[in-house]
Amino acid sequence: GAMGYNAMKHKILITLGALESVLRAEGYACPPGAAVDAALAAWNKAS
């Protein structure tokens, strides 16, 4: 959920960074840092 007080740029980025870290620890291969970079670009595109 990203609603109300949590629908903020830094909270989205922190959540995605945490999810990436946990997934990698659980054995799921994902590109390091890609989630935060993509989310930041999408947020900035929305101005």
ModelCIF file with pLDDT and N, C-alpha, C, O atoms, coordinates in Angstrom:
data_MODEL
#
_entry.id   MODEL 
#
_entity.id                         1 
_entity.type                       polymer 
_entity.pdbx_number_of_molecules   1 
#
_entity_poly.entity_id                      1 
_entity_poly.type                           'polypeptide(L)' 
_entity_poly.nstd_linkage                   no 
_entity_poly.nstd_monomer                   no 
_entity_poly.pdbx_seq_one_letter_code       GAMGYNAMKHKILITLGALESVLRAEGYACPPGAAVDAALAAWNKAS 
_entity_poly.pdbx_seq_one_letter_code_can   GAMGYNAMKHKILITLGALESVLRAEGYACPPGAAVDAALAAWNKAS 
_entity_poly.pdbx_strand_id                 A 
#
loop_
_entity_poly_seq.entity_id 
_entity_poly_seq.num 
_entity_poly_seq.mon_id 
_entity_poly_seq.hetero 
1 1  GLY n 
1 2  ALA n 
1 3  MET n 
1 4  GLY n 
1 5  TYR n 
1 6  ASN n 
1 7  ALA n 
1 8  MET n 
1 9  LYS n 
1 10 HIS n 
1 11 LYS n 
1 12 ILE n 
1 13 LEU n 
1 14 ILE n 
1 15 THR n 
1 16 LEU n 
1 17 GLY n 
1 18 ALA n 
1 19 LEU n 
1 20 GLU n 
1 21 SER n 
1 22 VAL n 
1 23 LEU n 
1 24 ARG n 
1 25 ALA n 
1 26 GLU n 
1 27 GLY n 
1 28 TYR n 
1 29 ALA n 
1 30 CYS n 
1 31 PRO n 
1 32 PRO n 
1 33 GLY n 
1 34 ALA n 
1 35 ALA n 
1 36 VAL n 
1 37 ASP n 
1 38 ALA n 
1 39 ALA n 
1 40 LEU n 
1 41 ALA n 
1 42 ALA n 
1 43 TRP n 
1 44 ASN n 
1 45 LYS n 
1 46 ALA n 
1 47 SER n 
#
_struct_asym.id          A 
_struct_asym.entity_id   1 
#
loop_
_ma_qa_metric.id 
_ma_qa_metric.mode 
_ma_qa_metric.name 
_ma_qa_metric.software_group_id 
_ma_qa_metric.type 
1 global pLDDT . pLDDT 
2 local  pLDDT . pLDDT 
#
_ma_qa_metric_global.metric_id      1 
_ma_qa_metric_global.metric_value   95.28 
_ma_qa_metric_global.model_id       1 
_ma_qa_metric_global.ordinal_id     1 
#
loop_
_ma_qa_metric_local.label_asym_id 
_ma_qa_metric_local.label_comp_id 
_ma_qa_metric_local.label_seq_id 
_ma_qa_metric_local.metric_id 
_ma_qa_metric_local.metric_value 
_ma_qa_metric_local.model_id 
_ma_qa_metric_local.ordinal_id 
A GLY 1  2 95.00 1 1  
A ALA 2  2 95.00 1 2  
A MET 3  2 94.00 1 3  
A GLY 4  2 93.00 1 4  
A TYR 5  2 91.00 1 5  
A ASN 6  2 93.00 1 6  
A ALA 7  2 96.00 1 7  
A MET 8  2 96.00 1 8  
A LYS 9  2 96.00 1 9  
A HIS 10 2 97.00 1 10 
A LYS 11 2 97.00 1 11 
A ILE 12 2 97.00 1 12 
A LEU 13 2 98.00 1 13 
A ILE 14 2 98.00 1 14 
A THR 15 2 98.00 1 15 
A LEU 16 2 98.00 1 16 
A GLY 17 2 98.00 1 17 
A ALA 18 2 98.00 1 18 
A LEU 19 2 98.00 1 19 
A GLU 20 2 98.00 1 20 
A SER 21 2 97.00 1 21 
A VAL 22 2 98.00 1 22 
A LEU 23 2 98.00 1 23 
A ARG 24 2 96.00 1 24 
A ALA 25 2 96.00 1 25 
A GLU 26 2 96.00 1 26 
A GLY 27 2 95.00 1 27 
A TYR 28 2 96.00 1 28 
A ALA 29 2 94.00 1 29 
A CYS 30 2 93.00 1 30 
A PRO 31 2 93.00 1 31 
A PRO 32 2 94.00 1 32 
A GLY 33 2 95.00 1 33 
A ALA 34 2 97.00 1 34 
A ALA 35 2 98.00 1 35 
A VAL 36 2 98.00 1 36 
A ASP 37 2 98.00 1 37 
A ALA 38 2 98.00 1 38 
A ALA 39 2 98.00 1 39 
A LEU 40 2 97.00 1 40 
A ALA 41 2 97.00 1 41 
A ALA 42 2 97.00 1 42 
A TRP 43 2 96.00 1 43 
A ASN 44 2 94.00 1 44 
A LYS 45 2 92.00 1 45 
A ALA 46 2 88.00 1 46 
A SER 47 2 65.00 1 47 
#
loop_
_atom_site.group_PDB 
_atom_site.id 
_atom_site.type_symbol 
_atom_site.label_atom_id 
_atom_site.label_alt_id 
_atom_site.label_comp_id 
_atom_site.label_asym_id 
_atom_site.label_entity_id 
_atom_site.label_seq_id 
_atom_site.pdbx_PDB_ins_code 
_atom_site.Cartn_x 
_atom_site.Cartn_y 
_atom_site.Cartn_z 
_atom_site.occupancy 
_atom_site.B_iso_or_equiv 
_atom_site.pdbx_formal_charge 
_atom_site.auth_seq_id 
_atom_site.auth_comp_id 
_atom_site.auth_asym_id 
_atom_site.auth_atom_id 
_atom_site.pdbx_PDB_model_num 
ATOM 1   N N  . GLY A 1 1  ? 0.824  -1.202  0.000   1.00 95.00 ? 1  GLY A N  1 
ATOM 2   C CA . GLY A 1 1  ? 0.000  0.000   0.000   1.00 95.00 ? 1  GLY A CA 1 
ATOM 3   C C  . GLY A 1 1  ? 0.859  1.253   0.000   1.00 95.00 ? 1  GLY A C  1 
ATOM 4   O O  . GLY A 1 1  ? 1.849  1.337   0.727   1.00 95.00 ? 1  GLY A O  1 
ATOM 5   N N  . ALA A 1 2  ? 0.483  2.216   -0.809  1.00 95.00 ? 2  ALA A N  1 
ATOM 6   C CA . ALA A 1 2  ? 1.135  3.529   -0.827  1.00 95.00 ? 2  ALA A CA 1 
ATOM 7   C C  . ALA A 1 2  ? 0.023  4.565   -0.832  1.00 95.00 ? 2  ALA A C  1 
ATOM 8   O O  . ALA A 1 2  ? -0.394 5.049   -1.885  1.00 95.00 ? 2  ALA A O  1 
ATOM 9   N N  . MET A 1 3  ? -0.446 4.894   0.358   1.00 94.00 ? 3  MET A N  1 
ATOM 10  C CA . MET A 1 3  ? -1.613 5.773   0.460   1.00 94.00 ? 3  MET A CA 1 
ATOM 11  C C  . MET A 1 3  ? -1.440 6.750   1.612   1.00 94.00 ? 3  MET A C  1 
ATOM 12  O O  . MET A 1 3  ? -0.743 6.473   2.588   1.00 94.00 ? 3  MET A O  1 
ATOM 13  N N  . GLY A 1 4  ? -2.096 7.905   1.475   1.00 93.00 ? 4  GLY A N  1 
ATOM 14  C CA . GLY A 1 4  ? -2.027 8.901   2.533   1.00 93.00 ? 4  GLY A CA 1 
ATOM 15  C C  . GLY A 1 4  ? -0.600 9.336   2.796   1.00 93.00 ? 4  GLY A C  1 
ATOM 16  O O  . GLY A 1 4  ? 0.117  9.740   1.880   1.00 93.00 ? 4  GLY A O  1 
ATOM 17  N N  . TYR A 1 5  ? -0.187 9.250   4.064   1.00 91.00 ? 5  TYR A N  1 
ATOM 18  C CA . TYR A 1 5  ? 1.147  9.693   4.472   1.00 91.00 ? 5  TYR A CA 1 
ATOM 19  C C  . TYR A 1 5  ? 2.245  8.865   3.828   1.00 91.00 ? 5  TYR A C  1 
ATOM 20  O O  . TYR A 1 5  ? 3.361  9.354   3.651   1.00 91.00 ? 5  TYR A O  1 
ATOM 21  N N  . ASN A 1 6  ? 1.948  7.616   3.471   1.00 93.00 ? 6  ASN A N  1 
ATOM 22  C CA . ASN A 1 6  ? 2.964  6.737   2.886   1.00 93.00 ? 6  ASN A CA 1 
ATOM 23  C C  . ASN A 1 6  ? 3.119  6.906   1.380   1.00 93.00 ? 6  ASN A C  1 
ATOM 24  O O  . ASN A 1 6  ? 4.043  6.338   0.797   1.00 93.00 ? 6  ASN A O  1 
ATOM 25  N N  . ALA A 1 7  ? 2.258  7.656   0.746   1.00 96.00 ? 7  ALA A N  1 
ATOM 26  C CA . ALA A 1 7  ? 2.392  7.887   -0.697  1.00 96.00 ? 7  ALA A CA 1 
ATOM 27  C C  . ALA A 1 7  ? 3.375  9.033   -0.935  1.00 96.00 ? 7  ALA A C  1 
ATOM 28  O O  . ALA A 1 7  ? 3.016  10.081  -1.472  1.00 96.00 ? 7  ALA A O  1 
ATOM 29  N N  . MET A 1 8  ? 4.609  8.808   -0.525  1.00 96.00 ? 8  MET A N  1 
ATOM 30  C CA . MET A 1 8  ? 5.660  9.812   -0.649  1.00 96.00 ? 8  MET A CA 1 
ATOM 31  C C  . MET A 1 8  ? 6.875  9.186   -1.326  1.00 96.00 ? 8  MET A C  1 
ATOM 32  O O  . MET A 1 8  ? 7.111  7.982   -1.224  1.00 96.00 ? 8  MET A O  1 
ATOM 33  N N  . LYS A 1 9  ? 7.633  10.022  -2.015  1.00 96.00 ? 9  LYS A N  1 
ATOM 34  C CA . LYS A 1 9  ? 8.757  9.528   -2.800  1.00 96.00 ? 9  LYS A CA 1 
ATOM 35  C C  . LYS A 1 9  ? 9.741  8.734   -1.947  1.00 96.00 ? 9  LYS A C  1 
ATOM 36  O O  . LYS A 1 9  ? 10.106 7.616   -2.311  1.00 96.00 ? 9  LYS A O  1 
ATOM 37  N N  . HIS A 1 10 ? 10.173 9.290   -0.829  1.00 97.00 ? 10 HIS A N  1 
ATOM 38  C CA . HIS A 1 10 ? 11.208 8.611   -0.050  1.00 97.00 ? 10 HIS A CA 1 
ATOM 39  C C  . HIS A 1 10 ? 10.700 7.301   0.539   1.00 97.00 ? 10 HIS A C  1 
ATOM 40  O O  . HIS A 1 10 ? 11.472 6.357   0.700   1.00 97.00 ? 10 HIS A O  1 
ATOM 41  N N  . LYS A 1 11 ? 9.416  7.233   0.861   1.00 97.00 ? 11 LYS A N  1 
ATOM 42  C CA . LYS A 1 11 ? 8.879  5.998   1.429   1.00 97.00 ? 11 LYS A CA 1 
ATOM 43  C C  . LYS A 1 11 ? 8.788  4.898   0.367   1.00 97.00 ? 11 LYS A C  1 
ATOM 44  O O  . LYS A 1 11 ? 9.018  3.725   0.662   1.00 97.00 ? 11 LYS A O  1 
ATOM 45  N N  . ILE A 1 12 ? 8.455  5.279   -0.856  1.00 97.00 ? 12 ILE A N  1 
ATOM 46  C CA . ILE A 1 12 ? 8.446  4.310   -1.953  1.00 97.00 ? 12 ILE A CA 1 
ATOM 47  C C  . ILE A 1 12 ? 9.860  3.769   -2.186  1.00 97.00 ? 12 ILE A C  1 
ATOM 48  O O  . ILE A 1 12 ? 10.054 2.563   -2.332  1.00 97.00 ? 12 ILE A O  1 
ATOM 49  N N  . LEU A 1 13 ? 10.829 4.663   -2.219  1.00 98.00 ? 13 LEU A N  1 
ATOM 50  C CA . LEU A 1 13 ? 12.208 4.251   -2.483  1.00 98.00 ? 13 LEU A CA 1 
ATOM 51  C C  . LEU A 1 13 ? 12.757 3.367   -1.364  1.00 98.00 ? 13 LEU A C  1 
ATOM 52  O O  . LEU A 1 13 ? 13.435 2.375   -1.632  1.00 98.00 ? 13 LEU A O  1 
ATOM 53  N N  . ILE A 1 14 ? 12.469 3.720   -0.124  1.00 98.00 ? 14 ILE A N  1 
ATOM 54  C CA . ILE A 1 14 ? 12.938 2.915   1.009   1.00 98.00 ? 14 ILE A CA 1 
ATOM 55  C C  . ILE A 1 14 ? 12.314 1.516   0.970   1.00 98.00 ? 14 ILE A C  1 
ATOM 56  O O  . ILE A 1 14 ? 12.997 0.519   1.207   1.00 98.00 ? 14 ILE A O  1 
ATOM 57  N N  . THR A 1 15 ? 11.028 1.452   0.672   1.00 98.00 ? 15 THR A N  1 
ATOM 58  C CA . THR A 1 15 ? 10.337 0.158   0.627   1.00 98.00 ? 15 THR A CA 1 
ATOM 59  C C  . THR A 1 15 ? 10.906 -0.722  -0.473  1.00 98.00 ? 15 THR A C  1 
ATOM 60  O O  . THR A 1 15 ? 11.147 -1.910  -0.257  1.00 98.00 ? 15 THR A O  1 
ATOM 61  N N  . LEU A 1 16 ? 11.121 -0.152  -1.645  1.00 98.00 ? 16 LEU A N  1 
ATOM 62  C CA . LEU A 1 16 ? 11.667 -0.932  -2.757  1.00 98.00 ? 16 LEU A CA 1 
ATOM 63  C C  . LEU A 1 16 ? 13.095 -1.390  -2.464  1.00 98.00 ? 16 LEU A C  1 
ATOM 64  O O  . LEU A 1 16 ? 13.462 -2.523  -2.775  1.00 98.00 ? 16 LEU A O  1 
ATOM 65  N N  . GLY A 1 17 ? 13.895 -0.514  -1.868  1.00 98.00 ? 17 GLY A N  1 
ATOM 66  C CA . GLY A 1 17 ? 15.258 -0.894  -1.513  1.00 98.00 ? 17 GLY A CA 1 
ATOM 67  C C  . GLY A 1 17 ? 15.266 -2.037  -0.501  1.00 98.00 ? 17 GLY A C  1 
ATOM 68  O O  . GLY A 1 17 ? 16.080 -2.956  -0.596  1.00 98.00 ? 17 GLY A O  1 
ATOM 69  N N  . ALA A 1 18 ? 14.357 -1.969  0.462   1.00 98.00 ? 18 ALA A N  1 
ATOM 70  C CA . ALA A 1 18 ? 14.260 -3.028  1.459   1.00 98.00 ? 18 ALA A CA 1 
ATOM 71  C C  . ALA A 1 18 ? 13.808 -4.334  0.823   1.00 98.00 ? 18 ALA A C  1 
ATOM 72  O O  . ALA A 1 18 ? 14.348 -5.397  1.127   1.00 98.00 ? 18 ALA A O  1 
ATOM 73  N N  . LEU A 1 19 ? 12.815 -4.253  -0.062  1.00 98.00 ? 19 LEU A N  1 
ATOM 74  C CA . LEU A 1 19 ? 12.318 -5.462  -0.720  1.00 98.00 ? 19 LEU A CA 1 
ATOM 75  C C  . LEU A 1 19 ? 13.417 -6.112  -1.556  1.00 98.00 ? 19 LEU A C  1 
ATOM 76  O O  . LEU A 1 19 ? 13.564 -7.335  -1.555  1.00 98.00 ? 19 LEU A O  1 
ATOM 77  N N  . GLU A 1 20 ? 14.180 -5.300  -2.260  1.00 98.00 ? 20 GLU A N  1 
ATOM 78  C CA . GLU A 1 20 ? 15.293 -5.842  -3.053  1.00 98.00 ? 20 GLU A CA 1 
ATOM 79  C C  . GLU A 1 20 ? 16.296 -6.568  -2.163  1.00 98.00 ? 20 GLU A C  1 
ATOM 80  O O  . GLU A 1 20 ? 16.738 -7.669  -2.492  1.00 98.00 ? 20 GLU A O  1 
ATOM 81  N N  . SER A 1 21 ? 16.655 -5.956  -1.039  1.00 97.00 ? 21 SER A N  1 
ATOM 82  C CA . SER A 1 21 ? 17.609 -6.565  -0.125  1.00 97.00 ? 21 SER A CA 1 
ATOM 83  C C  . SER A 1 21 ? 17.101 -7.906  0.405   1.00 97.00 ? 21 SER A C  1 
ATOM 84  O O  . SER A 1 21 ? 17.846 -8.884  0.465   1.00 97.00 ? 21 SER A O  1 
ATOM 85  N N  . VAL A 1 22 ? 15.837 -7.938  0.783   1.00 98.00 ? 22 VAL A N  1 
ATOM 86  C CA . VAL A 1 22 ? 15.256 -9.163  1.329   1.00 98.00 ? 22 VAL A CA 1 
ATOM 87  C C  . VAL A 1 22 ? 15.178 -10.247 0.261   1.00 98.00 ? 22 VAL A C  1 
ATOM 88  O O  . VAL A 1 22 ? 15.494 -11.407 0.525   1.00 98.00 ? 22 VAL A O  1 
ATOM 89  N N  . LEU A 1 23 ? 14.758 -9.871  -0.947  1.00 98.00 ? 23 LEU A N  1 
ATOM 90  C CA . LEU A 1 23 ? 14.658 -10.861 -2.017  1.00 98.00 ? 23 LEU A CA 1 
ATOM 91  C C  . LEU A 1 23 ? 16.013 -11.479 -2.338  1.00 98.00 ? 23 LEU A C  1 
ATOM 92  O O  . LEU A 1 23 ? 16.116 -12.687 -2.550  1.00 98.00 ? 23 LEU A O  1 
ATOM 93  N N  . ARG A 1 24 ? 17.044 -10.654 -2.372  1.00 96.00 ? 24 ARG A N  1 
ATOM 94  C CA . ARG A 1 24 ? 18.380 -11.170 -2.663  1.00 96.00 ? 24 ARG A CA 1 
ATOM 95  C C  . ARG A 1 24 ? 18.835 -12.113 -1.539  1.00 96.00 ? 24 ARG A C  1 
ATOM 96  O O  . ARG A 1 24 ? 19.480 -13.130 -1.794  1.00 96.00 ? 24 ARG A O  1 
ATOM 97  N N  . ALA A 1 25 ? 18.490 -11.761 -0.293  1.00 96.00 ? 25 ALA A N  1 
ATOM 98  C CA . ALA A 1 25 ? 18.839 -12.615 0.836   1.00 96.00 ? 25 ALA A CA 1 
ATOM 99  C C  . ALA A 1 25 ? 18.094 -13.946 0.783   1.00 96.00 ? 25 ALA A C  1 
ATOM 100 O O  . ALA A 1 25 ? 18.575 -14.960 1.288   1.00 96.00 ? 25 ALA A O  1 
ATOM 101 N N  . GLU A 1 26 ? 16.908 -13.927 0.161   1.00 96.00 ? 26 GLU A N  1 
ATOM 102 C CA . GLU A 1 26 ? 16.104 -15.139 0.029   1.00 96.00 ? 26 GLU A CA 1 
ATOM 103 C C  . GLU A 1 26 ? 16.445 -15.935 -1.231  1.00 96.00 ? 26 GLU A C  1 
ATOM 104 O O  . GLU A 1 26 ? 15.790 -16.930 -1.540  1.00 96.00 ? 26 GLU A O  1 
ATOM 105 N N  . GLY A 1 27 ? 17.469 -15.491 -1.951  1.00 95.00 ? 27 GLY A N  1 
ATOM 106 C CA . GLY A 1 27 ? 17.933 -16.255 -3.104  1.00 95.00 ? 27 GLY A CA 1 
ATOM 107 C C  . GLY A 1 27 ? 17.361 -15.847 -4.439  1.00 95.00 ? 27 GLY A C  1 
ATOM 108 O O  . GLY A 1 27 ? 17.583 -16.524 -5.443  1.00 95.00 ? 27 GLY A O  1 
ATOM 109 N N  . TYR A 1 28 ? 16.608 -14.725 -4.467  1.00 96.00 ? 28 TYR A N  1 
ATOM 110 C CA . TYR A 1 28 ? 16.032 -14.264 -5.734  1.00 96.00 ? 28 TYR A CA 1 
ATOM 111 C C  . TYR A 1 28 ? 16.999 -13.264 -6.367  1.00 96.00 ? 28 TYR A C  1 
ATOM 112 O O  . TYR A 1 28 ? 17.352 -12.262 -5.746  1.00 96.00 ? 28 TYR A O  1 
ATOM 113 N N  . ALA A 1 29 ? 17.417 -13.528 -7.569  1.00 94.00 ? 29 ALA A N  1 
ATOM 114 C CA . ALA A 1 29 ? 18.386 -12.657 -8.240  1.00 94.00 ? 29 ALA A CA 1 
ATOM 115 C C  . ALA A 1 29 ? 17.682 -11.467 -8.875  1.00 94.00 ? 29 ALA A C  1 
ATOM 116 O O  . ALA A 1 29 ? 16.787 -11.629 -9.705  1.00 94.00 ? 29 ALA A O  1 
ATOM 117 N N  . CYS A 1 30 ? 18.098 -10.274 -8.475  1.00 93.00 ? 30 CYS A N  1 
ATOM 118 C CA . CYS A 1 30 ? 17.562 -9.059  -9.103  1.00 93.00 ? 30 CYS A CA 1 
ATOM 119 C C  . CYS A 1 30 ? 18.693 -8.036  -9.212  1.00 93.00 ? 30 CYS A C  1 
ATOM 120 O O  . CYS A 1 30 ? 19.609 -8.040  -8.389  1.00 93.00 ? 30 CYS A O  1 
ATOM 121 N N  . PRO A 1 31 ? 18.641 -7.170  -10.207 1.00 93.00 ? 31 PRO A N  1 
ATOM 122 C CA . PRO A 1 31 ? 19.725 -6.203  -10.439 1.00 93.00 ? 31 PRO A CA 1 
ATOM 123 C C  . PRO A 1 31 ? 19.860 -5.229  -9.266  1.00 93.00 ? 31 PRO A C  1 
ATOM 124 O O  . PRO A 1 31 ? 18.884 -4.570  -8.910  1.00 93.00 ? 31 PRO A O  1 
ATOM 125 N N  . PRO A 1 32 ? 21.036 -5.125  -8.663  1.00 94.00 ? 32 PRO A N  1 
ATOM 126 C CA . PRO A 1 32 ? 21.222 -4.225  -7.518  1.00 94.00 ? 32 PRO A CA 1 
ATOM 127 C C  . PRO A 1 32 ? 20.921 -2.770  -7.879  1.00 94.00 ? 32 PRO A C  1 
ATOM 128 O O  . PRO A 1 32 ? 21.459 -2.239  -8.851  1.00 94.00 ? 32 PRO A O  1 
ATOM 129 N N  . GLY A 1 33 ? 20.066 -2.139  -7.097  1.00 95.00 ? 33 GLY A N  1 
ATOM 130 C CA . GLY A 1 33 ? 19.766 -0.716  -7.277  1.00 95.00 ? 33 GLY A CA 1 
ATOM 131 C C  . GLY A 1 33 ? 18.795 -0.387  -8.386  1.00 95.00 ? 33 GLY A C  1 
ATOM 132 O O  . GLY A 1 33 ? 18.372 0.763   -8.508  1.00 95.00 ? 33 GLY A O  1 
ATOM 133 N N  . ALA A 1 34 ? 18.430 -1.353  -9.193  1.00 97.00 ? 34 ALA A N  1 
ATOM 134 C CA . ALA A 1 34 ? 17.576 -1.063  -10.356 1.00 97.00 ? 34 ALA A CA 1 
ATOM 135 C C  . ALA A 1 34 ? 16.185 -0.588  -9.940  1.00 97.00 ? 34 ALA A C  1 
ATOM 136 O O  . ALA A 1 34 ? 15.603 0.285   -10.585 1.00 97.00 ? 34 ALA A O  1 
ATOM 137 N N  . ALA A 1 35 ? 15.660 -1.158  -8.872  1.00 98.00 ? 35 ALA A N  1 
ATOM 138 C CA . ALA A 1 35 ? 14.295 -0.808  -8.450  1.00 98.00 ? 35 ALA A CA 1 
ATOM 139 C C  . ALA A 1 35 ? 14.208 0.652   -8.025  1.00 98.00 ? 35 ALA A C  1 
ATOM 140 O O  . ALA A 1 35 ? 13.303 1.375   -8.442  1.00 98.00 ? 35 ALA A O  1 
ATOM 141 N N  . VAL A 1 36 ? 15.152 1.079   -7.194  1.00 98.00 ? 36 VAL A N  1 
ATOM 142 C CA . VAL A 1 36 ? 15.143 2.467   -6.718  1.00 98.00 ? 36 VAL A CA 1 
ATOM 143 C C  . VAL A 1 36 ? 15.358 3.429   -7.880  1.00 98.00 ? 36 VAL A C  1 
ATOM 144 O O  . VAL A 1 36 ? 14.685 4.457   -7.956  1.00 98.00 ? 36 VAL A O  1 
ATOM 145 N N  . ASP A 1 37 ? 16.282 3.118   -8.784  1.00 98.00 ? 37 ASP A N  1 
ATOM 146 C CA . ASP A 1 37 ? 16.537 3.995   -9.930  1.00 98.00 ? 37 ASP A CA 1 
ATOM 147 C C  . ASP A 1 37 ? 15.291 4.121   -10.805 1.00 98.00 ? 37 ASP A C  1 
ATOM 148 O O  . ASP A 1 37 ? 14.940 5.222   -11.230 1.00 98.00 ? 37 ASP A O  1 
ATOM 149 N N  . ALA A 1 38 ? 14.629 3.011   -11.071 1.00 98.00 ? 38 ALA A N  1 
ATOM 150 C CA . ALA A 1 38 ? 13.437 3.028   -11.928 1.00 98.00 ? 38 ALA A CA 1 
ATOM 151 C C  . ALA A 1 38 ? 12.298 3.781   -11.261 1.00 98.00 ? 38 ALA A C  1 
ATOM 152 O O  . ALA A 1 38 ? 11.582 4.537   -11.917 1.00 98.00 ? 38 ALA A O  1 
ATOM 153 N N  . ALA A 1 39 ? 12.127 3.581   -9.964  1.00 98.00 ? 39 ALA A N  1 
ATOM 154 C CA . ALA A 1 39 ? 11.061 4.267   -9.237  1.00 98.00 ? 39 ALA A CA 1 
ATOM 155 C C  . ALA A 1 39 ? 11.293 5.768   -9.193  1.00 98.00 ? 39 ALA A C  1 
ATOM 156 O O  . ALA A 1 39 ? 10.363 6.556   -9.362  1.00 98.00 ? 39 ALA A O  1 
ATOM 157 N N  . LEU A 1 40 ? 12.536 6.153   -8.965  1.00 97.00 ? 40 LEU A N  1 
ATOM 158 C CA . LEU A 1 40 ? 12.865 7.576   -8.917  1.00 97.00 ? 40 LEU A CA 1 
ATOM 159 C C  . LEU A 1 40 ? 12.613 8.233   -10.264 1.00 97.00 ? 40 LEU A C  1 
ATOM 160 O O  . LEU A 1 40 ? 12.092 9.347   -10.326 1.00 97.00 ? 40 LEU A O  1 
ATOM 161 N N  . ALA A 1 41 ? 12.979 7.551   -11.340 1.00 97.00 ? 41 ALA A N  1 
ATOM 162 C CA . ALA A 1 41 ? 12.740 8.095   -12.678 1.00 97.00 ? 41 ALA A CA 1 
ATOM 163 C C  . ALA A 1 41 ? 11.241 8.230   -12.946 1.00 97.00 ? 41 ALA A C  1 
ATOM 164 O O  . ALA A 1 41 ? 10.802 9.224   -13.525 1.00 97.00 ? 41 ALA A O  1 
ATOM 165 N N  . ALA A 1 42 ? 10.453 7.231   -12.528 1.00 97.00 ? 42 ALA A N  1 
ATOM 166 C CA . ALA A 1 42 ? 9.003  7.283   -12.746 1.00 97.00 ? 42 ALA A CA 1 
ATOM 167 C C  . ALA A 1 42 ? 8.373  8.412   -11.950 1.00 97.00 ? 42 ALA A C  1 
ATOM 168 O O  . ALA A 1 42 ? 7.475  9.097   -12.441 1.00 97.00 ? 42 ALA A O  1 
ATOM 169 N N  . TRP A 1 43 ? 8.842  8.610   -10.714 1.00 96.00 ? 43 TRP A N  1 
ATOM 170 C CA . TRP A 1 43 ? 8.309  9.700   -9.884  1.00 96.00 ? 43 TRP A CA 1 
ATOM 171 C C  . TRP A 1 43 ? 8.641  11.057  -10.506 1.00 96.00 ? 43 TRP A C  1 
ATOM 172 O O  . TRP A 1 43 ? 7.779  11.932  -10.599 1.00 96.00 ? 43 TRP A O  1 
ATOM 173 N N  . ASN A 1 44 ? 9.897  11.225  -10.931 1.00 94.00 ? 44 ASN A N  1 
ATOM 174 C CA . ASN A 1 44 ? 10.300 12.505  -11.524 1.00 94.00 ? 44 ASN A CA 1 
ATOM 175 C C  . ASN A 1 44 ? 9.551  12.778  -12.821 1.00 94.00 ? 44 ASN A C  1 
ATOM 176 O O  . ASN A 1 44 ? 9.252  13.928  -13.142 1.00 94.00 ? 44 ASN A O  1 
ATOM 177 N N  . LYS A 1 45 ? 9.249  11.718  -13.565 1.00 92.00 ? 45 LYS A N  1 
ATOM 178 C CA . LYS A 1 45 ? 8.490  11.897  -14.813 1.00 92.00 ? 45 LYS A CA 1 
ATOM 179 C C  . LYS A 1 45 ? 7.093  12.433  -14.530 1.00 92.00 ? 45 LYS A C  1 
ATOM 180 O O  . LYS A 1 45 ? 6.514  13.152  -15.344 1.00 92.00 ? 45 LYS A O  1 
ATOM 181 N N  . ALA A 1 46 ? 6.563  12.075  -13.370 1.00 88.00 ? 46 ALA A N  1 
ATOM 182 C CA . ALA A 1 46 ? 5.230  12.560  -12.997 1.00 88.00 ? 46 ALA A CA 1 
ATOM 183 C C  . ALA A 1 46 ? 5.263  14.005  -12.490 1.00 88.00 ? 46 ALA A C  1 
ATOM 184 O O  . ALA A 1 46 ? 4.219  14.585  -12.190 1.00 88.00 ? 46 ALA A O  1 
ATOM 185 N N  . SER A 1 47 ? 6.471  14.583  -12.395 1.00 65.00 ? 47 SER A N  1 
ATOM 186 C CA . SER A 1 47 ? 6.655  15.987  -11.978 1.00 65.00 ? 47 SER A CA 1 
ATOM 187 C C  . SER A 1 47 ? 6.093  16.238  -10.594 1.00 65.00 ? 47 SER A C  1 
ATOM 188 O O  . SER A 1 47 ? 6.164  17.360  -10.092 1.00 65.00 ? 47 SER A O  1 
#
